[in-house]
């Protein structure tokens, strides 16, 4: 048998498997009863890659089982797969076709494999995800409170108080989890030498960007989605834009940068220098986010606190 590439289309209830180029396909349940025999089947196929899309968490059980079995599984960005499907001019969309497209995508792009995350990292990422959900719920309820009828306001206020209490508990849990790991605690303390980076931002960087400190500045910026993408054709020179990447990390860096350009002298001078050159504030803040990210990346790579970094001109 030649080299095979497997795609798995994930839904809440089922997993549809497609093998490229043989176009073999089948469906199993997305639970332990379906995943256990699937691992054995895929082990016999010895595929070059097993490709899944990120689906908000439904892919985690099967992904964990595949990696634990030593199979070459990787989760890819749905946007990339969507663009790839469009390049194939494939308009029809079924679970079977989606699975085969994922297998074909694996053959074409050869996505890099990543090591199995530690259980503690999974726990940290889960706490961060739930904390984000609570923050969104608090924000939604506060927006509702502004226009609510007088009769419903007490209930909304009670719900906000409950959510904020839960949010406080998650903040405590995150702190305890970070403190339980000497490596994470050292990273957190190093990150918080930066004015603008607090416990929540440092936890987000540790949990949702574990590659920080191990990649080049260009690669880490691209991974987060802070690397400007060219829009040029012929003599036309389009506006550089950022897109893709890890939105949650980017949101955390935005909040950190907003504080840093006010209270962190180096980033404040850098930001003001861009404004003085005529850059729009939104452009300048994205540049400040990128500078903050690559500086933090260098800090972790060299184990150097912010105050000990050599100063640079804007």
C-alpha atoms as a PDB file:
ATOM      1  CA  UNK A   1       0.000   0.000   0.000  1.00  0.00           C
ATOM      2  CA  UNK A   2       1.262   3.494  -0.865  1.00  0.00           C
ATOM      3  CA  UNK A   3       1.403   6.500   1.402  1.00  0.00           C
ATOM      4  CA  UNK A   4      -2.001   7.429   2.797  1.00  0.00           C
ATOM      5  CA  UNK A   5      -3.356  10.626   4.287  1.00  0.00           C
ATOM      6  CA  UNK A   6      -6.340  10.549   6.600  1.00  0.00           C
ATOM      7  CA  UNK A   7      -8.861  13.297   7.256  1.00  0.00           C
ATOM      8  CA  UNK A   8     -11.373  13.186  10.111  1.00  0.00           C
ATOM      9  CA  UNK A   9     -14.462  15.386   9.956  1.00  0.00           C
ATOM     10  CA  UNK A  10     -15.558  15.961  13.557  1.00  0.00           C
ATOM     11  CA  UNK A  11     -19.023  16.660  14.894  1.00  0.00           C
ATOM     12  CA  UNK A  12     -20.491  16.396  18.375  1.00  0.00           C
ATOM     13  CA  UNK A  13     -21.948  12.928  17.757  1.00  0.00           C
ATOM     14  CA  UNK A  14     -19.785  11.367  15.053  1.00  0.00           C
ATOM     15  CA  UNK A  15     -16.423  11.160  13.332  1.00  0.00           C
ATOM     16  CA  UNK A  16     -16.275  10.707   9.564  1.00  0.00           C
ATOM     17  CA  UNK A  17     -12.981   9.301   8.326  1.00  0.00           C
ATOM     18  CA  UNK A  18     -11.694   9.781   4.778  1.00  0.00           C
ATOM     19  CA  UNK A  19      -8.547   8.164   3.362  1.00  0.00           C
ATOM     20  CA  UNK A  20      -6.664   9.866   0.540  1.00  0.00           C
ATOM     21  CA  UNK A  21      -5.972   8.876  -2.209  1.00  0.00           C
ATOM     22  CA  UNK A  22      -7.978   5.631  -1.957  1.00  0.00           C
ATOM     23  CA  UNK A  23     -11.162   7.610  -1.069  1.00  0.00           C
ATOM     24  CA  UNK A  24     -12.133   4.955   1.465  1.00  0.00           C
ATOM     25  CA  UNK A  25     -14.448   6.392   4.125  1.00  0.00           C
ATOM     26  CA  UNK A  26     -16.484   5.350   7.156  1.00  0.00           C
ATOM     27  CA  UNK A  27     -18.168   6.876  10.224  1.00  0.00           C
ATOM     28  CA  UNK A  28     -17.877   6.096  13.938  1.00  0.00           C
ATOM     29  CA  UNK A  29     -19.390   7.645  17.042  1.00  0.00           C
ATOM     30  CA  UNK A  30     -17.482  10.463  18.733  1.00  0.00           C
ATOM     31  CA  UNK A  31     -17.182   8.674  22.065  1.00  0.00           C
ATOM     32  CA  UNK A  32     -15.034   6.021  23.677  1.00  0.00           C
ATOM     33  CA  UNK A  33     -16.952   3.204  21.936  1.00  0.00           C
ATOM     34  CA  UNK A  34     -16.130   4.675  18.528  1.00  0.00           C
ATOM     35  CA  UNK A  35     -12.684   6.131  19.181  1.00  0.00           C
ATOM     36  CA  UNK A  36     -11.010   3.005  20.628  1.00  0.00           C
ATOM     37  CA  UNK A  37     -11.516   0.786  17.531  1.00  0.00           C
ATOM     38  CA  UNK A  38     -10.775   3.757  15.265  1.00  0.00           C
ATOM     39  CA  UNK A  39      -7.306   4.085  16.780  1.00  0.00           C
ATOM     40  CA  UNK A  40      -6.634   0.418  15.979  1.00  0.00           C
ATOM     41  CA  UNK A  41      -7.879   0.848  12.400  1.00  0.00           C
ATOM     42  CA  UNK A  42      -5.702   3.879  11.781  1.00  0.00           C
ATOM     43  CA  UNK A  43      -2.677   2.215  13.326  1.00  0.00           C
ATOM     44  CA  UNK A  44      -2.999  -0.552  10.726  1.00  0.00           C
ATOM     45  CA  UNK A  45      -3.196   2.024   7.906  1.00  0.00           C
ATOM     46  CA  UNK A  46       0.091   3.689   9.026  1.00  0.00           C
ATOM     47  CA  UNK A  47      -0.900   7.064   7.549  1.00  0.00           C
ATOM     48  CA  UNK A  48       1.599   9.833   6.925  1.00  0.00           C
ATOM     49  CA  UNK A  49      -0.732  12.356   8.595  1.00  0.00           C
ATOM     50  CA  UNK A  50      -4.142  12.345  10.258  1.00  0.00           C
ATOM     51  CA  UNK A  51      -5.707  15.779   9.830  1.00  0.00           C
ATOM     52  CA  UNK A  52      -8.556  17.247  11.885  1.00  0.00           C
ATOM     53  CA  UNK A  53     -10.058  20.725  11.963  1.00  0.00           C
ATOM     54  CA  UNK A  54     -10.366  22.714  15.188  1.00  0.00           C
ATOM     55  CA  UNK A  55     -14.059  22.468  16.131  1.00  0.00           C
ATOM     56  CA  UNK A  56     -14.251  24.255  19.451  1.00  0.00           C
ATOM     57  CA  UNK A  57     -13.353  21.213  21.532  1.00  0.00           C
ATOM     58  CA  UNK A  58     -15.245  18.285  19.950  1.00  0.00           C
ATOM     59  CA  UNK A  59     -11.972  17.098  18.414  1.00  0.00           C
ATOM     60  CA  UNK A  60     -10.116  16.825  21.741  1.00  0.00           C
ATOM     61  CA  UNK A  61     -11.085  13.261  22.786  1.00  0.00           C
ATOM     62  CA  UNK A  62     -10.120  11.667  19.473  1.00  0.00           C
ATOM     63  CA  UNK A  63      -7.034  13.879  19.121  1.00  0.00           C
ATOM     64  CA  UNK A  64      -5.843  12.895  22.576  1.00  0.00           C
ATOM     65  CA  UNK A  65      -6.377   9.196  21.847  1.00  0.00           C
ATOM     66  CA  UNK A  66      -4.522   9.402  18.511  1.00  0.00           C
ATOM     67  CA  UNK A  67      -1.535  11.222  19.996  1.00  0.00           C
ATOM     68  CA  UNK A  68      -1.418   8.892  22.989  1.00  0.00           C
ATOM     69  CA  UNK A  69      -1.215   5.983  20.530  1.00  0.00           C
ATOM     70  CA  UNK A  70       1.735   7.635  18.777  1.00  0.00           C
ATOM     71  CA  UNK A  71      -0.196   8.365  15.580  1.00  0.00           C
ATOM     72  CA  UNK A  72       0.762  11.421  13.461  1.00  0.00           C
ATOM     73  CA  UNK A  73      -2.377  13.487  14.134  1.00  0.00           C
ATOM     74  CA  UNK A  74      -2.551  17.270  13.792  1.00  0.00           C
ATOM     75  CA  UNK A  75      -5.283  19.876  14.220  1.00  0.00           C
ATOM     76  CA  UNK A  76      -5.334  22.553  11.497  1.00  0.00           C
ATOM     77  CA  UNK A  77      -6.943  25.966  11.110  1.00  0.00           C
ATOM     78  CA  UNK A  78     -10.449  25.727   9.529  1.00  0.00           C
ATOM     79  CA  UNK A  79      -9.800  28.908   7.546  1.00  0.00           C
ATOM     80  CA  UNK A  80      -6.881  27.274   5.739  1.00  0.00           C
ATOM     81  CA  UNK A  81      -8.969  24.220   4.897  1.00  0.00           C
ATOM     82  CA  UNK A  82     -11.822  26.423   3.645  1.00  0.00           C
ATOM     83  CA  UNK A  83      -9.434  28.284   1.344  1.00  0.00           C
ATOM     84  CA  UNK A  84      -7.994  24.976   0.148  1.00  0.00           C
ATOM     85  CA  UNK A  85     -11.465  23.590  -0.605  1.00  0.00           C
ATOM     86  CA  UNK A  86     -12.236  26.742  -2.586  1.00  0.00           C
ATOM     87  CA  UNK A  87      -9.015  26.281  -4.579  1.00  0.00           C
ATOM     88  CA  UNK A  88     -10.280  22.818  -5.572  1.00  0.00           C
ATOM     89  CA  UNK A  89     -13.534  24.396  -6.754  1.00  0.00           C
ATOM     90  CA  UNK A  90     -15.434  21.953  -4.568  1.00  0.00           C
ATOM     91  CA  UNK A  91     -18.854  23.436  -3.889  1.00  0.00           C
ATOM     92  CA  UNK A  92     -20.563  20.321  -2.532  1.00  0.00           C
ATOM     93  CA  UNK A  93     -20.158  19.844   1.209  1.00  0.00           C
ATOM     94  CA  UNK A  94     -20.851  16.611   3.082  1.00  0.00           C
ATOM     95  CA  UNK A  95     -19.107  14.929   6.006  1.00  0.00           C
ATOM     96  CA  UNK A  96     -17.554  12.389   3.620  1.00  0.00           C
ATOM     97  CA  UNK A  97     -16.286  15.056   1.223  1.00  0.00           C
ATOM     98  CA  UNK A  98     -14.989  17.192   4.081  1.00  0.00           C
ATOM     99  CA  UNK A  99     -13.031  14.245   5.477  1.00  0.00           C
ATOM    100  CA  UNK A 100     -11.471  13.523   2.083  1.00  0.00           C
ATOM    101  CA  UNK A 101     -10.585  17.191   1.612  1.00  0.00           C
ATOM    102  CA  UNK A 102      -8.791  17.113   4.967  1.00  0.00           C
ATOM    103  CA  UNK A 103      -6.795  14.085   3.869  1.00  0.00           C
ATOM    104  CA  UNK A 104      -5.930  15.750   0.578  1.00  0.00           C
ATOM    105  CA  UNK A 105      -5.029  18.956   2.450  1.00  0.00           C
ATOM    106  CA  UNK A 106      -2.599  16.926   4.551  1.00  0.00           C
ATOM    107  CA  UNK A 107      -0.892  15.567   1.447  1.00  0.00           C
ATOM    108  CA  UNK A 108      -0.599  19.031  -0.126  1.00  0.00           C
ATOM    109  CA  UNK A 109       0.563  21.043   2.892  1.00  0.00           C
ATOM    110  CA  UNK A 110       2.331  18.458   5.095  1.00  0.00           C
ATOM    111  CA  UNK A 111       1.296  20.217   8.378  1.00  0.00           C
ATOM    112  CA  UNK A 112       3.884  20.024  11.131  1.00  0.00           C
ATOM    113  CA  UNK A 113       3.290  17.645  14.021  1.00  0.00           C
ATOM    114  CA  UNK A 114       3.231  18.842  17.621  1.00  0.00           C
ATOM    115  CA  UNK A 115       4.045  16.854  20.758  1.00  0.00           C
ATOM    116  CA  UNK A 116       1.273  15.643  23.052  1.00  0.00           C
ATOM    117  CA  UNK A 117       0.480  18.446  25.539  1.00  0.00           C
ATOM    118  CA  UNK A 118       0.975  17.754  29.204  1.00  0.00           C
ATOM    119  CA  UNK A 119      -2.234  17.074  31.181  1.00  0.00           C
ATOM    120  CA  UNK A 120      -1.571  20.223  33.234  1.00  0.00           C
ATOM    121  CA  UNK A 121      -1.434  22.284  30.024  1.00  0.00           C
ATOM    122  CA  UNK A 122      -4.815  20.886  28.965  1.00  0.00           C
ATOM    123  CA  UNK A 123      -6.183  21.874  32.368  1.00  0.00           C
ATOM    124  CA  UNK A 124      -4.734  25.375  32.091  1.00  0.00           C
ATOM    125  CA  UNK A 125      -6.174  25.839  28.595  1.00  0.00           C
ATOM    126  CA  UNK A 126      -9.571  24.600  29.800  1.00  0.00           C
ATOM    127  CA  UNK A 127      -9.600  27.080  32.695  1.00  0.00           C
ATOM    128  CA  UNK A 128      -8.598  29.919  30.370  1.00  0.00           C
ATOM    129  CA  UNK A 129     -11.350  29.011  27.897  1.00  0.00           C
ATOM    130  CA  UNK A 130     -13.986  28.902  30.638  1.00  0.00           C
ATOM    131  CA  UNK A 131     -12.757  32.199  32.054  1.00  0.00           C
ATOM    132  CA  UNK A 132     -13.177  33.835  28.639  1.00  0.00           C
ATOM    133  CA  UNK A 133     -16.737  32.517  28.466  1.00  0.00           C
ATOM    134  CA  UNK A 134     -17.532  33.995  31.895  1.00  0.00           C
ATOM    135  CA  UNK A 135     -16.072  37.361  30.876  1.00  0.00           C
ATOM    136  CA  UNK A 136     -18.283  37.347  27.767  1.00  0.00           C
ATOM    137  CA  UNK A 137     -21.362  36.470  29.834  1.00  0.00           C
ATOM    138  CA  UNK A 138     -20.673  39.273  32.324  1.00  0.00           C
ATOM    139  CA  UNK A 139     -20.274  41.738  29.468  1.00  0.00           C
ATOM    140  CA  UNK A 140     -23.520  40.562  27.836  1.00  0.00           C
ATOM    141  CA  UNK A 141     -25.485  40.849  31.069  1.00  0.00           C
ATOM    142  CA  UNK A 142     -24.141  44.339  31.736  1.00  0.00           C
ATOM    143  CA  UNK A 143     -25.233  45.368  28.233  1.00  0.00           C
ATOM    144  CA  UNK A 144     -28.702  43.941  28.900  1.00  0.00           C
ATOM    145  CA  UNK A 145     -28.901  45.755  32.226  1.00  0.00           C
ATOM    146  CA  UNK A 146     -28.509  49.107  30.499  1.00  0.00           C
ATOM    147  CA  UNK A 147     -31.787  48.665  28.572  1.00  0.00           C
ATOM    148  CA  UNK A 148     -33.671  46.244  30.820  1.00  0.00           C
ATOM    149  CA  UNK A 149     -37.085  46.949  32.294  1.00  0.00           C
ATOM    150  CA  UNK A 150     -37.081  47.906  35.987  1.00  0.00           C
ATOM    151  CA  UNK A 151     -38.817  44.625  36.820  1.00  0.00           C
ATOM    152  CA  UNK A 152     -35.954  42.502  35.420  1.00  0.00           C
ATOM    153  CA  UNK A 153     -32.977  44.529  36.646  1.00  0.00           C
ATOM    154  CA  UNK A 154     -32.679  42.906  40.094  1.00  0.00           C
ATOM    155  CA  UNK A 155     -32.458  39.451  38.512  1.00  0.00           C
ATOM    156  CA  UNK A 156     -29.813  40.602  36.021  1.00  0.00           C
ATOM    157  CA  UNK A 157     -27.796  42.233  38.830  1.00  0.00           C
ATOM    158  CA  UNK A 158     -27.951  39.003  40.830  1.00  0.00           C
ATOM    159  CA  UNK A 159     -26.760  37.044  37.806  1.00  0.00           C
ATOM    160  CA  UNK A 160     -23.874  39.468  37.229  1.00  0.00           C
ATOM    161  CA  UNK A 161     -22.838  39.118  40.883  1.00  0.00           C
ATOM    162  CA  UNK A 162     -22.942  35.321  40.577  1.00  0.00           C
ATOM    163  CA  UNK A 163     -20.887  35.345  37.370  1.00  0.00           C
ATOM    164  CA  UNK A 164     -18.310  37.710  38.866  1.00  0.00           C
ATOM    165  CA  UNK A 165     -18.027  35.424  41.880  1.00  0.00           C
ATOM    166  CA  UNK A 166     -17.371  32.473  39.571  1.00  0.00           C
ATOM    167  CA  UNK A 167     -14.875  34.549  37.612  1.00  0.00           C
ATOM    168  CA  UNK A 168     -12.992  35.320  40.817  1.00  0.00           C
ATOM    169  CA  UNK A 169     -12.818  31.597  41.611  1.00  0.00           C
ATOM    170  CA  UNK A 170     -11.396  30.849  38.156  1.00  0.00           C
ATOM    171  CA  UNK A 171      -8.782  33.570  38.643  1.00  0.00           C
ATOM    172  CA  UNK A 172      -7.780  31.889  41.907  1.00  0.00           C
ATOM    173  CA  UNK A 173      -7.625  28.468  40.224  1.00  0.00           C
ATOM    174  CA  UNK A 174      -5.432  29.830  37.448  1.00  0.00           C
ATOM    175  CA  UNK A 175      -3.071  31.353  39.987  1.00  0.00           C
ATOM    176  CA  UNK A 176      -2.876  28.108  41.956  1.00  0.00           C
ATOM    177  CA  UNK A 177      -2.190  26.065  38.821  1.00  0.00           C
ATOM    178  CA  UNK A 178       0.604  28.398  37.728  1.00  0.00           C
ATOM    179  CA  UNK A 179       2.153  28.371  41.219  1.00  0.00           C
ATOM    180  CA  UNK A 180       2.059  24.547  41.314  1.00  0.00           C
ATOM    181  CA  UNK A 181       4.514  24.382  38.392  1.00  0.00           C
ATOM    182  CA  UNK A 182       8.004  25.805  39.074  1.00  0.00           C
ATOM    183  CA  UNK A 183       8.566  26.281  35.317  1.00  0.00           C
ATOM    184  CA  UNK A 184       5.279  28.125  34.801  1.00  0.00           C
ATOM    185  CA  UNK A 185       5.775  30.210  37.928  1.00  0.00           C
ATOM    186  CA  UNK A 186       9.212  31.315  36.722  1.00  0.00           C
ATOM    187  CA  UNK A 187       7.745  32.217  33.312  1.00  0.00           C
ATOM    188  CA  UNK A 188       4.873  34.115  34.912  1.00  0.00           C
ATOM    189  CA  UNK A 189       7.193  36.106  37.146  1.00  0.00           C
ATOM    190  CA  UNK A 190       9.429  36.935  34.181  1.00  0.00           C
ATOM    191  CA  UNK A 191       6.479  37.996  32.020  1.00  0.00           C
ATOM    192  CA  UNK A 192       5.098  40.238  34.746  1.00  0.00           C
ATOM    193  CA  UNK A 193       8.278  42.299  34.825  1.00  0.00           C
ATOM    194  CA  UNK A 194       6.683  43.973  31.784  1.00  0.00           C
ATOM    195  CA  UNK A 195       4.423  46.898  32.669  1.00  0.00           C
ATOM    196  CA  UNK A 196       1.106  45.999  31.075  1.00  0.00           C
ATOM    197  CA  UNK A 197       1.374  42.248  31.615  1.00  0.00           C
ATOM    198  CA  UNK A 198      -0.577  41.023  34.641  1.00  0.00           C
ATOM    199  CA  UNK A 199      -1.609  37.587  35.918  1.00  0.00           C
ATOM    200  CA  UNK A 200      -4.367  37.021  33.336  1.00  0.00           C
ATOM    201  CA  UNK A 201      -2.218  37.999  30.346  1.00  0.00           C
ATOM    202  CA  UNK A 202       0.752  35.955  31.583  1.00  0.00           C
ATOM    203  CA  UNK A 203      -1.491  32.909  32.171  1.00  0.00           C
ATOM    204  CA  UNK A 204      -2.918  33.286  28.670  1.00  0.00           C
ATOM    205  CA  UNK A 205       0.547  33.447  27.123  1.00  0.00           C
ATOM    206  CA  UNK A 206       1.726  30.404  29.079  1.00  0.00           C
ATOM    207  CA  UNK A 207      -1.369  28.317  28.319  1.00  0.00           C
ATOM    208  CA  UNK A 208      -2.400  29.384  24.828  1.00  0.00           C
ATOM    209  CA  UNK A 209       1.060  30.150  23.424  1.00  0.00           C
ATOM    210  CA  UNK A 210       3.383  27.452  24.828  1.00  0.00           C
ATOM    211  CA  UNK A 211       5.719  27.971  21.849  1.00  0.00           C
ATOM    212  CA  UNK A 212       6.708  31.372  23.260  1.00  0.00           C
ATOM    213  CA  UNK A 213      10.464  31.561  23.703  1.00  0.00           C
ATOM    214  CA  UNK A 214      11.176  28.645  21.347  1.00  0.00           C
ATOM    215  CA  UNK A 215      10.522  30.256  17.931  1.00  0.00           C
ATOM    216  CA  UNK A 216      12.038  33.131  15.997  1.00  0.00           C
ATOM    217  CA  UNK A 217      10.378  36.528  16.283  1.00  0.00           C
ATOM    218  CA  UNK A 218       8.930  36.269  12.781  1.00  0.00           C
ATOM    219  CA  UNK A 219       7.456  32.819  13.383  1.00  0.00           C
ATOM    220  CA  UNK A 220       5.915  33.717  16.737  1.00  0.00           C
ATOM    221  CA  UNK A 221       4.331  36.849  15.212  1.00  0.00           C
ATOM    222  CA  UNK A 222       2.900  34.772  12.364  1.00  0.00           C
ATOM    223  CA  UNK A 223       1.603  32.150  14.790  1.00  0.00           C
ATOM    224  CA  UNK A 224      -0.324  34.765  16.777  1.00  0.00           C
ATOM    225  CA  UNK A 225      -1.524  36.593  13.651  1.00  0.00           C
ATOM    226  CA  UNK A 226       0.535  39.759  14.090  1.00  0.00           C
ATOM    227  CA  UNK A 227       2.665  39.405  10.962  1.00  0.00           C
ATOM    228  CA  UNK A 228       1.510  41.867   8.259  1.00  0.00           C
ATOM    229  CA  UNK A 229       0.421  40.099   5.068  1.00  0.00           C
ATOM    230  CA  UNK A 230       1.195  41.704   1.701  1.00  0.00           C
ATOM    231  CA  UNK A 231      -1.603  42.610  -0.733  1.00  0.00           C
ATOM    232  CA  UNK A 232       0.393  43.390  -3.864  1.00  0.00           C
ATOM    233  CA  UNK A 233      -0.254  42.696  -7.524  1.00  0.00           C
ATOM    234  CA  UNK A 234       1.755  44.151 -10.388  1.00  0.00           C
ATOM    235  CA  UNK A 235       2.293  47.843  -9.666  1.00  0.00           C
ATOM    236  CA  UNK A 236      -0.487  47.873  -7.092  1.00  0.00           C
ATOM    237  CA  UNK A 237       0.627  48.009  -3.480  1.00  0.00           C
ATOM    238  CA  UNK A 238      -2.192  47.143  -1.119  1.00  0.00           C
ATOM    239  CA  UNK A 239      -2.536  47.806   2.587  1.00  0.00           C
ATOM    240  CA  UNK A 240      -0.721  45.316   4.803  1.00  0.00           C
ATOM    241  CA  UNK A 241      -3.122  43.529   7.115  1.00  0.00           C
ATOM    242  CA  UNK A 242      -2.989  40.991   9.904  1.00  0.00           C
ATOM    243  CA  UNK A 243      -5.286  37.981   9.937  1.00  0.00           C
ATOM    244  CA  UNK A 244      -5.631  34.456  11.264  1.00  0.00           C
ATOM    245  CA  UNK A 245      -3.519  33.268  14.154  1.00  0.00           C
ATOM    246  CA  UNK A 246      -4.592  32.779  17.764  1.00  0.00           C
ATOM    247  CA  UNK A 247      -7.323  35.294  18.439  1.00  0.00           C
ATOM    248  CA  UNK A 248      -7.387  34.744  22.210  1.00  0.00           C
ATOM    249  CA  UNK A 249      -3.676  35.484  22.508  1.00  0.00           C
ATOM    250  CA  UNK A 250      -4.040  38.517  20.261  1.00  0.00           C
ATOM    251  CA  UNK A 251      -6.882  39.843  22.441  1.00  0.00           C
ATOM    252  CA  UNK A 252      -4.736  39.454  25.568  1.00  0.00           C
ATOM    253  CA  UNK A 253      -1.826  41.250  23.895  1.00  0.00           C
ATOM    254  CA  UNK A 254      -4.157  44.066  22.836  1.00  0.00           C
ATOM    255  CA  UNK A 255      -5.211  44.680  26.432  1.00  0.00           C
ATOM    256  CA  UNK A 256      -1.585  44.524  27.581  1.00  0.00           C
ATOM    257  CA  UNK A 257      -0.469  46.915  24.850  1.00  0.00           C
ATOM    258  CA  UNK A 258      -3.202  49.430  25.711  1.00  0.00           C
ATOM    259  CA  UNK A 259      -1.780  49.637  29.225  1.00  0.00           C
ATOM    260  CA  UNK A 260       1.849  49.458  28.106  1.00  0.00           C
ATOM    261  CA  UNK A 261       1.653  52.430  25.703  1.00  0.00           C
ATOM    262  CA  UNK A 262       0.566  54.548  28.679  1.00  0.00           C
ATOM    263  CA  UNK A 263       2.798  53.307  31.485  1.00  0.00           C
ATOM    264  CA  UNK A 264       5.701  51.410  29.873  1.00  0.00           C
ATOM    265  CA  UNK A 265       8.285  54.042  28.815  1.00  0.00           C
ATOM    266  CA  UNK A 266       9.788  52.006  25.938  1.00  0.00           C
ATOM    267  CA  UNK A 267       6.481  51.047  24.368  1.00  0.00           C
ATOM    268  CA  UNK A 268       5.017  54.490  25.064  1.00  0.00           C
ATOM    269  CA  UNK A 269       7.885  56.131  23.151  1.00  0.00           C
ATOM    270  CA  UNK A 270       7.592  53.569  20.346  1.00  0.00           C
ATOM    271  CA  UNK A 271       3.833  54.129  20.051  1.00  0.00           C
ATOM    272  CA  UNK A 272       4.163  57.919  20.130  1.00  0.00           C
ATOM    273  CA  UNK A 273       6.916  57.786  17.510  1.00  0.00           C
ATOM    274  CA  UNK A 274       4.535  55.989  15.138  1.00  0.00           C
ATOM    275  CA  UNK A 275       1.755  58.501  15.801  1.00  0.00           C
ATOM    276  CA  UNK A 276       4.186  61.375  15.137  1.00  0.00           C
ATOM    277  CA  UNK A 277       4.979  59.769  11.768  1.00  0.00           C
ATOM    278  CA  UNK A 278       1.301  59.940  10.865  1.00  0.00           C
ATOM    279  CA  UNK A 279       0.302  56.331  11.593  1.00  0.00           C
ATOM    280  CA  UNK A 280      -3.310  55.751  12.584  1.00  0.00           C
ATOM    281  CA  UNK A 281      -3.803  54.836  16.266  1.00  0.00           C
ATOM    282  CA  UNK A 282      -5.145  51.367  15.337  1.00  0.00           C
ATOM    283  CA  UNK A 283      -2.062  50.753  13.186  1.00  0.00           C
ATOM    284  CA  UNK A 284       0.256  52.000  15.922  1.00  0.00           C
ATOM    285  CA  UNK A 285      -1.357  49.797  18.586  1.00  0.00           C
ATOM    286  CA  UNK A 286      -0.980  46.688  16.410  1.00  0.00           C
ATOM    287  CA  UNK A 287       2.689  47.566  15.909  1.00  0.00           C
ATOM    288  CA  UNK A 288       3.024  47.968  19.682  1.00  0.00           C
ATOM    289  CA  UNK A 289       1.390  44.551  20.185  1.00  0.00           C
ATOM    290  CA  UNK A 290       3.888  42.976  17.814  1.00  0.00           C
ATOM    291  CA  UNK A 291       6.834  44.709  19.493  1.00  0.00           C
ATOM    292  CA  UNK A 292       5.553  43.565  22.882  1.00  0.00           C
ATOM    293  CA  UNK A 293       5.187  39.990  21.636  1.00  0.00           C
ATOM    294  CA  UNK A 294       8.632  39.681  20.045  1.00  0.00           C
ATOM    295  CA  UNK A 295      10.269  41.314  23.061  1.00  0.00           C
ATOM    296  CA  UNK A 296       8.555  38.867  25.419  1.00  0.00           C
ATOM    297  CA  UNK A 297       9.618  36.049  23.097  1.00  0.00           C
ATOM    298  CA  UNK A 298      13.230  37.184  23.417  1.00  0.00           C
ATOM    299  CA  UNK A 299      12.865  37.535  27.189  1.00  0.00           C
ATOM    300  CA  UNK A 300      11.782  33.911  27.591  1.00  0.00           C
ATOM    301  CA  UNK A 301      14.379  32.652  25.136  1.00  0.00           C
ATOM    302  CA  UNK A 302      17.216  34.363  27.033  1.00  0.00           C
ATOM    303  CA  UNK A 303      15.621  34.309  30.516  1.00  0.00           C
ATOM    304  CA  UNK A 304      16.007  38.072  30.779  1.00  0.00           C
ATOM    305  CA  UNK A 305      13.674  40.379  32.700  1.00  0.00           C
ATOM    306  CA  UNK A 306      12.259  43.427  30.903  1.00  0.00           C
ATOM    307  CA  UNK A 307      14.271  45.882  33.009  1.00  0.00           C
ATOM    308  CA  UNK A 308      17.517  44.131  32.030  1.00  0.00           C
ATOM    309  CA  UNK A 309      16.905  44.266  28.297  1.00  0.00           C
ATOM    310  CA  UNK A 310      19.119  46.648  26.316  1.00  0.00           C
ATOM    311  CA  UNK A 311      17.231  49.775  25.306  1.00  0.00           C
ATOM    312  CA  UNK A 312      16.520  50.335  21.609  1.00  0.00           C
ATOM    313  CA  UNK A 313      15.436  53.362  19.616  1.00  0.00           C
ATOM    314  CA  UNK A 314      11.884  53.538  18.267  1.00  0.00           C
END
